[in-house]
N, C-alpha and C. Protein backbone atom coordinates (compact mmCIF):
# COMPACT_ATOMS: atom_id res chain seq x y z
N MET A 1 115.52 70.87 87.05
CA MET A 1 116.63 70.00 87.41
C MET A 1 117.32 69.49 86.15
N THR A 2 118.61 69.33 86.25
CA THR A 2 119.36 68.78 85.14
C THR A 2 119.27 67.26 85.16
N GLN A 3 119.67 66.66 84.07
CA GLN A 3 119.66 65.20 83.97
C GLN A 3 120.56 64.59 85.06
N GLU A 4 121.69 65.23 85.32
CA GLU A 4 122.61 64.73 86.34
C GLU A 4 121.98 64.81 87.73
N GLN A 5 121.26 65.90 88.01
CA GLN A 5 120.61 66.05 89.31
C GLN A 5 119.51 65.01 89.50
N ILE A 6 118.76 64.77 88.44
CA ILE A 6 117.69 63.77 88.50
C ILE A 6 118.31 62.39 88.75
N LEU A 7 119.37 62.06 88.01
CA LEU A 7 120.02 60.77 88.19
C LEU A 7 120.57 60.64 89.60
N GLU A 8 121.11 61.70 90.16
CA GLU A 8 121.63 61.66 91.52
C GLU A 8 120.51 61.37 92.52
N GLN A 9 119.37 62.02 92.34
CA GLN A 9 118.25 61.79 93.25
C GLN A 9 117.70 60.38 93.11
N VAL A 10 117.59 59.90 91.88
CA VAL A 10 117.14 58.52 91.65
C VAL A 10 118.14 57.55 92.26
N SER A 11 119.43 57.82 92.12
CA SER A 11 120.47 56.97 92.72
C SER A 11 120.31 56.88 94.22
N GLN A 12 120.02 58.00 94.86
CA GLN A 12 119.82 58.00 96.30
C GLN A 12 118.61 57.16 96.69
N ILE A 13 117.54 57.29 95.93
CA ILE A 13 116.32 56.52 96.20
C ILE A 13 116.62 55.03 96.07
N VAL A 14 117.29 54.64 95.00
CA VAL A 14 117.61 53.23 94.78
C VAL A 14 118.53 52.71 95.89
N ALA A 15 119.54 53.49 96.23
CA ALA A 15 120.49 53.08 97.27
C ALA A 15 119.79 52.89 98.62
N GLU A 16 118.89 53.81 98.96
CA GLU A 16 118.15 53.70 100.22
C GLU A 16 117.20 52.51 100.20
N THR A 17 116.50 52.33 99.10
CA THR A 17 115.54 51.23 99.00
C THR A 17 116.22 49.88 99.08
N LEU A 18 117.37 49.76 98.42
CA LEU A 18 118.07 48.47 98.38
C LEU A 18 119.13 48.34 99.46
N ASP A 19 119.28 49.38 100.27
CA ASP A 19 120.28 49.40 101.35
C ASP A 19 121.68 49.12 100.80
N LEU A 20 122.05 49.90 99.77
CA LEU A 20 123.35 49.77 99.13
C LEU A 20 124.10 51.09 99.25
N GLU A 21 124.95 51.19 100.26
CA GLU A 21 125.71 52.42 100.46
C GLU A 21 126.68 52.65 99.31
N GLY A 22 126.84 53.91 98.93
CA GLY A 22 127.81 54.28 97.91
C GLY A 22 127.46 53.85 96.51
N LEU A 23 126.21 53.50 96.27
CA LEU A 23 125.78 53.06 94.95
C LEU A 23 125.90 54.20 93.95
N ARG A 24 126.54 53.96 92.84
CA ARG A 24 126.66 54.94 91.77
C ARG A 24 126.01 54.35 90.53
N LEU A 25 125.04 55.05 90.02
CA LEU A 25 124.32 54.57 88.85
C LEU A 25 124.66 55.42 87.64
N ASP A 26 124.51 54.84 86.46
CA ASP A 26 124.64 55.64 85.24
C ASP A 26 123.42 55.36 84.36
N LEU A 27 123.24 56.19 83.36
CA LEU A 27 122.03 56.15 82.54
C LEU A 27 121.84 54.85 81.78
N SER A 28 122.91 54.12 81.52
CA SER A 28 122.78 52.89 80.74
C SER A 28 122.39 51.68 81.59
N MET A 29 122.42 51.83 82.92
CA MET A 29 122.13 50.70 83.81
C MET A 29 120.63 50.39 83.86
N SER A 30 120.35 49.13 84.10
CA SER A 30 118.96 48.69 84.31
C SER A 30 118.91 47.84 85.57
N ALA A 31 117.75 47.37 85.92
CA ALA A 31 117.57 46.61 87.15
C ALA A 31 118.48 45.39 87.22
N VAL A 32 118.73 44.75 86.11
CA VAL A 32 119.57 43.54 86.12
C VAL A 32 121.02 43.86 86.49
N ASP A 33 121.42 45.11 86.38
CA ASP A 33 122.79 45.51 86.70
C ASP A 33 122.99 45.84 88.18
N ILE A 34 121.89 45.88 88.95
CA ILE A 34 121.94 46.37 90.32
C ILE A 34 121.52 45.25 91.28
N PRO A 35 122.41 44.87 92.19
CA PRO A 35 122.09 43.78 93.12
C PRO A 35 120.85 44.08 93.97
N GLY A 36 119.94 43.13 94.02
CA GLY A 36 118.75 43.27 94.85
C GLY A 36 117.57 43.94 94.19
N TRP A 37 117.74 44.43 92.96
CA TRP A 37 116.64 45.11 92.28
C TRP A 37 115.78 44.05 91.59
N ASP A 38 114.82 43.53 92.33
CA ASP A 38 113.90 42.54 91.80
C ASP A 38 112.54 43.19 91.58
N SER A 39 111.52 42.39 91.33
CA SER A 39 110.20 42.95 91.02
C SER A 39 109.59 43.70 92.20
N LEU A 40 109.77 43.19 93.41
CA LEU A 40 109.25 43.89 94.59
C LEU A 40 110.00 45.20 94.80
N ALA A 41 111.31 45.16 94.68
CA ALA A 41 112.12 46.38 94.81
C ALA A 41 111.73 47.40 93.74
N ASN A 42 111.40 46.92 92.55
CA ASN A 42 111.01 47.82 91.47
C ASN A 42 109.77 48.62 91.86
N VAL A 43 108.80 47.95 92.45
CA VAL A 43 107.58 48.64 92.90
C VAL A 43 107.94 49.68 93.96
N GLN A 44 108.75 49.28 94.93
CA GLN A 44 109.14 50.20 96.00
C GLN A 44 109.91 51.40 95.46
N ILE A 45 110.82 51.15 94.53
CA ILE A 45 111.61 52.23 93.93
C ILE A 45 110.73 53.17 93.14
N MET A 46 109.84 52.63 92.34
CA MET A 46 109.00 53.50 91.51
C MET A 46 108.04 54.32 92.36
N VAL A 47 107.50 53.77 93.42
CA VAL A 47 106.63 54.53 94.33
C VAL A 47 107.44 55.67 94.95
N ALA A 48 108.65 55.38 95.38
CA ALA A 48 109.50 56.41 95.98
C ALA A 48 109.87 57.49 94.96
N VAL A 49 110.14 57.09 93.73
CA VAL A 49 110.45 58.06 92.67
C VAL A 49 109.24 58.94 92.40
N GLU A 50 108.07 58.33 92.30
CA GLU A 50 106.85 59.11 92.06
C GLU A 50 106.63 60.13 93.17
N ARG A 51 106.82 59.72 94.40
CA ARG A 51 106.65 60.65 95.53
C ARG A 51 107.68 61.77 95.48
N ALA A 52 108.92 61.42 95.26
CA ALA A 52 110.01 62.40 95.28
C ALA A 52 109.85 63.45 94.18
N PHE A 53 109.36 63.03 93.02
CA PHE A 53 109.27 63.93 91.89
C PHE A 53 107.85 64.46 91.64
N GLY A 54 106.90 64.00 92.42
CA GLY A 54 105.53 64.48 92.27
C GLY A 54 104.89 64.09 90.96
N VAL A 55 105.18 62.88 90.50
CA VAL A 55 104.62 62.38 89.24
C VAL A 55 103.95 61.03 89.48
N ARG A 56 103.19 60.59 88.48
CA ARG A 56 102.59 59.26 88.49
C ARG A 56 102.87 58.61 87.15
N PHE A 57 103.28 57.36 87.18
CA PHE A 57 103.51 56.61 85.96
C PHE A 57 102.46 55.51 85.85
N ARG A 58 102.04 55.24 84.65
CA ARG A 58 101.17 54.10 84.40
C ARG A 58 102.03 52.84 84.41
N THR A 59 101.41 51.73 84.71
CA THR A 59 102.13 50.46 84.76
C THR A 59 102.84 50.19 83.44
N GLY A 60 102.17 50.45 82.34
CA GLY A 60 102.77 50.24 81.02
C GLY A 60 103.99 51.12 80.78
N ASP A 61 103.94 52.35 81.31
CA ASP A 61 105.09 53.25 81.18
C ASP A 61 106.29 52.67 81.91
N ILE A 62 106.05 52.18 83.11
CA ILE A 62 107.14 51.61 83.92
C ILE A 62 107.72 50.39 83.22
N ALA A 63 106.86 49.53 82.74
CA ALA A 63 107.31 48.30 82.10
C ALA A 63 108.10 48.56 80.82
N SER A 64 107.82 49.66 80.16
CA SER A 64 108.48 49.94 78.88
C SER A 64 109.85 50.63 79.03
N MET A 65 110.20 51.04 80.24
CA MET A 65 111.49 51.70 80.44
C MET A 65 112.59 50.65 80.47
N ALA A 66 113.53 50.75 79.54
CA ALA A 66 114.58 49.75 79.42
C ALA A 66 115.76 49.99 80.35
N ASN A 67 115.96 51.24 80.76
CA ASN A 67 117.10 51.54 81.63
C ASN A 67 116.86 52.85 82.39
N LEU A 68 117.82 53.21 83.22
CA LEU A 68 117.69 54.43 84.02
C LEU A 68 117.66 55.68 83.16
N GLY A 69 118.31 55.63 82.01
CA GLY A 69 118.29 56.77 81.09
C GLY A 69 116.87 57.12 80.66
N GLU A 70 116.07 56.10 80.39
CA GLU A 70 114.68 56.34 79.99
C GLU A 70 113.87 56.88 81.16
N LEU A 71 114.11 56.38 82.36
CA LEU A 71 113.42 56.91 83.53
C LEU A 71 113.78 58.37 83.75
N VAL A 72 115.05 58.68 83.69
CA VAL A 72 115.51 60.06 83.88
C VAL A 72 114.93 60.97 82.80
N ALA A 73 114.92 60.52 81.56
CA ALA A 73 114.36 61.32 80.47
C ALA A 73 112.88 61.61 80.69
N ARG A 74 112.14 60.62 81.15
CA ARG A 74 110.71 60.83 81.40
C ARG A 74 110.49 61.77 82.58
N LEU A 75 111.31 61.65 83.60
CA LEU A 75 111.19 62.56 84.74
C LEU A 75 111.54 63.99 84.30
N GLU A 76 112.57 64.12 83.50
CA GLU A 76 112.98 65.43 82.99
C GLU A 76 111.87 66.05 82.15
N SER A 77 111.26 65.26 81.30
CA SER A 77 110.16 65.73 80.45
C SER A 77 108.95 66.15 81.28
N ARG A 78 108.61 65.34 82.27
CA ARG A 78 107.46 65.67 83.14
C ARG A 78 107.73 66.94 83.93
N GLN A 79 108.95 67.11 84.41
CA GLN A 79 109.26 68.31 85.17
C GLN A 79 109.21 69.54 84.27
N ALA A 80 109.65 69.41 83.03
CA ALA A 80 109.59 70.53 82.10
C ALA A 80 108.14 70.92 81.83
N ARG A 81 107.27 69.93 81.66
CA ARG A 81 105.85 70.21 81.44
C ARG A 81 105.22 70.86 82.67
N MET A 82 105.60 70.41 83.86
CA MET A 82 105.05 70.98 85.08
C MET A 82 105.51 72.43 85.25
N THR A 83 106.75 72.72 84.85
CA THR A 83 107.26 74.07 84.94
C THR A 83 106.55 74.98 83.97
N GLU A 84 106.30 74.50 82.76
CA GLU A 84 105.59 75.29 81.75
C GLU A 84 104.18 75.64 82.19
N THR A 85 103.50 74.70 82.83
CA THR A 85 102.11 74.95 83.22
C THR A 85 102.00 75.80 84.48
N SER A 86 103.12 75.95 85.21
CA SER A 86 103.05 76.74 86.44
C SER A 86 103.26 78.22 86.18
N TYR A 87 103.59 78.60 84.96
CA TYR A 87 103.79 80.02 84.64
C TYR A 87 102.51 80.68 84.24
């Protein structure tokens, strides 16, 4: 998946979780930029992201992500590693 495809899928997850139709996210955005993204929503979003992408993040990994760009980069990296090991 490309970075844009990953961001689109994450955007859909966030929009569904927060019930925000037409939500458009960009890589520089963080939770403070998105209405309703509080600590409980963060847990729900991260669980949904982990399920959708077939990955698991440690709590420290999640806490250290400053914005969506970092989340997308980590998902992209994990997917690349999963693709390499499947060959």
